[in-house]
Protein backbone atom coordinates (compact mmCIF):
# COMPACT_ATOMS: atom_id res chain seq x y z
CA MET A 1 0.23 0.07 0.19
CA ASN A 2 3.10 2.54 0.78
CA SER A 3 4.34 1.97 -2.23
CA SER A 4 1.04 2.58 -4.46
CA LEU A 5 0.64 5.56 -2.46
CA ARG A 6 4.42 7.22 -3.45
CA ARG A 7 3.72 6.85 -6.82
CA THR A 8 0.19 7.77 -7.22
CA THR A 9 1.19 10.94 -5.38
CA GLY A 10 4.63 11.09 -7.81
CA LEU A 11 2.10 10.81 -10.78
CA ALA A 12 0.25 13.30 -9.35
CA ALA A 13 3.41 16.13 -8.81
CA LEU A 14 5.12 15.73 -12.28
CA ALA A 15 1.45 15.85 -13.93
CA LEU A 16 1.35 19.60 -12.65
CA THR A 17 4.61 20.65 -14.37
CA ALA A 18 5.61 18.04 -17.26
CA THR A 19 3.81 15.97 -20.07
CA LEU A 20 1.64 12.89 -20.17
CA GLY A 21 4.64 11.41 -21.28
CA LEU A 22 7.31 12.73 -18.57
CA ALA A 23 4.98 12.11 -16.00
CA ALA A 24 4.68 8.61 -16.95
CA CYS A 25 8.67 8.07 -17.74
CA GLY A 26 8.78 9.39 -13.89
CA ASP A 27 6.50 7.17 -12.55
CA ASP A 28 8.96 4.38 -13.92
CA SER A 29 11.95 5.21 -12.42
CA ASP A 30 9.79 5.84 -9.33
CA GLY A 31 8.92 2.55 -9.06
CA ASN A 32 12.72 1.64 -10.04
CA GLU A 33 14.28 3.54 -6.82
CA THR A 34 10.89 2.02 -4.37
CA ALA A 35 12.11 -1.59 -5.67
CA ALA A 36 15.77 -0.69 -4.85
CA THR A 37 14.41 0.91 -1.89
CA ASP A 38 12.69 -2.45 -0.99
CA GLU A 39 15.91 -4.23 -1.57
CA SER A 40 18.15 -2.69 0.41
CA SER A 41 15.70 -2.89 3.23
CA SER A 42 15.51 -6.57 2.70
CA ALA A 43 19.87 -6.78 2.95
CA ALA A 44 19.58 -4.66 5.89
CA PRO A 45 19.25 -7.45 8.60
CA SER A 46 21.82 -9.24 7.41
CA ASP A 47 24.43 -6.58 6.70
CA GLU A 48 23.51 -5.29 10.63
CA MET A 49 23.94 -9.09 12.32
CA THR A 50 27.37 -9.03 10.84
CA PRO A 51 28.72 -5.82 13.40
CA SER A 52 26.56 -7.58 16.14
CA GLU A 53 28.52 -10.48 15.64
CA ASP A 54 31.89 -9.50 14.99
CA THR A 55 31.20 -7.43 18.34
CA GLY A 56 29.97 -10.50 20.30
CA SER A 57 33.23 -12.18 18.77
CA ASP A 58 35.82 -8.90 20.47
CA ALA A 59 33.98 -9.05 23.73
CA GLY A 60 34.74 -12.64 24.08
CA SER A 61 38.08 -12.49 22.82
CA ASP A 62 38.21 -9.40 25.21
CA ALA A 63 36.63 -11.05 28.26
CA GLY A 64 39.19 -14.17 27.87
CA SER A 65 42.26 -11.51 27.87
CA ASP A 66 41.06 -10.34 31.11
CA ALA A 67 41.25 -14.05 32.94
CA ALA A 68 44.14 -13.50 35.13
CA ALA A 69 42.93 -9.85 35.87
CA GLU A 70 41.34 -10.69 39.32
CA THR A 71 43.60 -14.28 40.42
CA PHE A 72 46.18 -13.79 42.60
CA GLY A 73 48.91 -15.77 44.31
CA ALA A 74 52.78 -16.38 44.27
CA GLY A 75 51.50 -19.63 42.41
CA CYS A 76 49.98 -18.38 39.51
CA SER A 77 53.28 -17.79 38.36
CA GLN A 78 53.33 -21.75 37.34
CA ILE A 79 50.25 -21.25 35.59
CA PRO A 80 51.13 -21.56 31.82
CA ALA A 81 51.05 -17.97 30.00
CA ASP A 82 48.91 -19.43 26.72
CA GLY A 83 47.43 -22.57 25.65
CA ALA A 84 44.69 -24.60 26.77
CA GLY A 85 45.86 -24.68 30.50
CA SER A 86 46.71 -20.88 31.12
CA PHE A 87 44.35 -18.71 32.41
CA ASN A 88 42.77 -17.36 28.86
CA GLY A 89 42.52 -21.23 27.84
CA MET A 90 40.81 -22.39 31.53
CA ALA A 91 38.21 -19.39 31.12
CA THR A 92 36.61 -20.94 28.06
CA GLU A 93 36.08 -24.37 29.37
CA PRO A 94 33.67 -26.38 31.75
CA VAL A 95 35.63 -26.73 35.18
CA ALA A 96 36.74 -30.35 34.89
CA THR A 97 37.60 -29.98 31.32
CA ALA A 98 40.01 -27.35 32.25
CA ALA A 99 41.66 -28.92 34.86
CA SER A 100 42.64 -31.62 32.19
CA ALA A 101 45.03 -29.03 30.69
CA ASN A 102 46.69 -27.30 33.44
CA PRO A 103 50.15 -28.88 34.03
CA LEU A 104 49.73 -28.66 37.70
CA LEU A 105 46.20 -30.69 38.43
CA LYS A 106 47.34 -34.17 36.36
CA THR A 107 47.32 -36.32 39.44
CA LEU A 108 43.35 -34.46 40.28
CA VAL A 109 42.25 -34.78 36.68
CA GLN A 110 43.23 -38.61 36.89
CA ALA A 111 41.09 -38.65 40.11
CA VAL A 112 38.34 -37.21 38.99
CA THR A 113 38.30 -39.44 35.99
CA GLN A 114 38.33 -42.62 38.12
CA ALA A 115 35.46 -41.64 40.03
CA LYS A 116 33.81 -40.50 36.88
CA LEU A 117 32.76 -37.18 38.14
CA VAL A 118 34.07 -35.51 35.28
CA ASP A 119 30.53 -35.03 34.05
CA THR A 120 28.92 -34.14 36.99
CA LEU A 121 31.72 -31.33 37.34
CA ASN A 122 31.68 -30.09 33.76
CA SER A 123 27.61 -29.95 34.30
CA ALA A 124 27.16 -28.18 37.61
CA ASP A 125 25.77 -24.58 37.62
CA GLY A 126 28.23 -22.52 39.30
CA ILE A 127 31.12 -23.86 42.03
CA THR A 128 34.22 -23.59 43.79
CA VAL A 129 36.50 -26.25 43.29
CA PHE A 130 40.11 -26.33 45.50
CA ALA A 131 42.35 -28.19 43.26
CA PRO A 132 45.26 -29.88 44.77
CA THR A 133 48.58 -29.97 43.32
CA ASP A 134 50.44 -32.92 41.87
CA ASP A 135 52.81 -31.90 44.28
CA ALA A 136 50.04 -31.80 47.03
CA PHE A 137 48.70 -35.31 46.02
CA GLY A 138 52.40 -36.51 45.99
CA GLN A 139 52.67 -36.36 49.93
CA ILE A 140 50.17 -38.79 50.28
CA PRO A 141 52.10 -42.19 50.77
CA LYS A 142 51.72 -44.01 47.45
CA LYS A 143 50.34 -47.46 49.09
CA ASP A 144 47.34 -45.03 50.40
CA MET A 145 47.07 -43.25 47.22
CA ASN A 146 46.39 -46.16 45.24
CA ALA A 147 43.95 -47.64 47.56
CA VAL A 148 42.00 -44.69 47.40
CA MET A 149 42.46 -44.79 43.89
CA SER A 150 40.85 -47.97 43.87
CA ASP A 151 38.07 -47.04 46.29
CA LYS A 152 35.34 -45.57 44.38
CA ALA A 153 32.99 -44.66 46.73
CA THR A 154 36.32 -43.34 49.17
CA LEU A 155 37.45 -41.22 46.41
CA THR A 156 34.34 -39.85 45.40
CA LYS A 157 34.00 -38.41 48.95
CA ILE A 158 37.61 -36.85 48.84
CA LEU A 159 36.88 -35.23 45.29
CA THR A 160 33.38 -33.90 46.40
CA TYR A 161 34.71 -32.16 49.88
CA HIS A 162 36.82 -30.02 47.53
CA VAL A 163 33.96 -28.99 46.13
CA VAL A 164 31.56 -25.72 47.25
CA PRO A 165 28.31 -24.90 45.54
CA GLY A 166 28.35 -21.52 44.08
CA GLU A 167 31.42 -18.96 42.75
CA LEU A 168 33.15 -17.42 45.67
CA GLY A 169 34.65 -14.54 45.38
CA PRO A 170 37.86 -13.86 47.76
CA ASP A 171 35.54 -11.40 49.66
CA GLU A 172 33.18 -14.46 50.18
CA LEU A 173 36.03 -17.27 50.96
CA ALA A 174 36.64 -16.68 54.41
CA GLY A 175 34.31 -18.66 56.47
CA THR A 176 32.58 -21.88 56.86
CA HIS A 177 31.09 -23.74 53.94
CA LYS A 178 29.00 -26.84 53.23
CA THR A 179 30.30 -29.17 50.63
CA LEU A 180 29.42 -31.22 47.70
CA GLU A 181 29.99 -34.17 49.88
CA GLY A 182 27.53 -32.78 52.42
CA GLU A 183 30.49 -31.59 55.25
CA LYS A 184 31.37 -28.20 56.13
CA LEU A 185 34.70 -26.84 55.27
CA THR A 186 36.26 -24.14 56.73
CA VAL A 187 38.61 -21.73 54.78
CA GLU A 188 40.84 -18.81 57.18
CA GLY A 189 42.43 -15.71 55.99
CA SER A 190 41.90 -12.59 53.86
CA GLY A 191 43.20 -10.43 50.96
CA GLU A 192 45.39 -13.08 49.29
CA ASP A 193 46.21 -15.46 51.93
CA PHE A 194 43.99 -18.20 53.12
CA THR A 195 44.08 -21.81 54.34
CA VAL A 196 41.50 -24.14 53.69
CA GLY A 197 40.50 -27.36 55.90
CA LYS A 198 42.08 -28.95 59.01
CA ALA A 199 45.50 -29.30 57.06
CA ASP A 200 45.66 -25.68 56.77
CA ALA A 201 46.29 -26.10 53.08
CA LYS A 202 47.41 -22.48 51.49
CA VAL A 203 45.58 -21.07 48.39
CA LEU A 204 48.40 -21.06 45.70
CA CYS A 205 46.72 -19.88 43.25
CA GLY A 206 43.26 -17.96 43.62
CA ASN A 207 40.34 -16.34 41.98
CA ILE A 208 41.14 -18.46 38.57
CA PRO A 209 37.59 -18.51 36.41
CA THR A 210 36.53 -21.69 34.62
CA ALA A 211 32.86 -21.12 32.15
CA ASN A 212 31.42 -22.53 35.15
CA ALA A 213 33.18 -22.51 38.41
CA THR A 214 36.01 -20.69 40.45
CA VAL A 215 39.00 -22.70 41.00
CA TYR A 216 41.49 -22.16 43.34
CA VAL A 217 44.72 -24.03 43.65
CA ILE A 218 46.11 -25.57 46.92
CA ASP A 219 49.08 -27.46 48.16
CA GLY A 220 47.11 -30.17 50.42
CA VAL A 221 44.60 -32.54 50.04
CA LEU A 222 41.75 -31.92 52.04
CA MET A 223 39.96 -35.16 53.93
CA PRO A 224 36.46 -34.73 55.21
């Protein structure tokens, strides 16, 4: 309807100043311009999506580049500078997958895999994970470690004791928290100096973001 009205108005105006033949030519030209306008309008949504998608991509890249911005602790220097195990790489993956790329957490990942908790952790909606390093697991006598690794129920109990619902920032870390295992876990300290559990495991690198969790790398294994 709008296109027809525009053409009619154009004809009327041209009839006052030109011949009928010129008015007809003017009508054809106006029709072509209208068609061109219609084609431009139909193309506009696609054109507008491209900058939007690019902006989203840039925003994601910027977010990834800032993954280390809020981390703290002397142990953060041991996190790879780039690649899947870096802060940026871990920030894009769910927590179990993110940990699997980190060279400090190989034993933890092996234990999580053995207990069949990979999917449970990856699908969790917002958790805090206290992640013992390989050296932390190395403090456990080999005989005891082998026994735990072969006992799925015990292994699951220990591992879920390292997980707290909700993503805790440094300002929320100190206090007593109920773990996925069911028992409570106490964190003491402030600022950038925290100890976790009865073993006083020290936070080596804290506030590491992953796609669904916040990770605190610690120097001891927590026992419920």
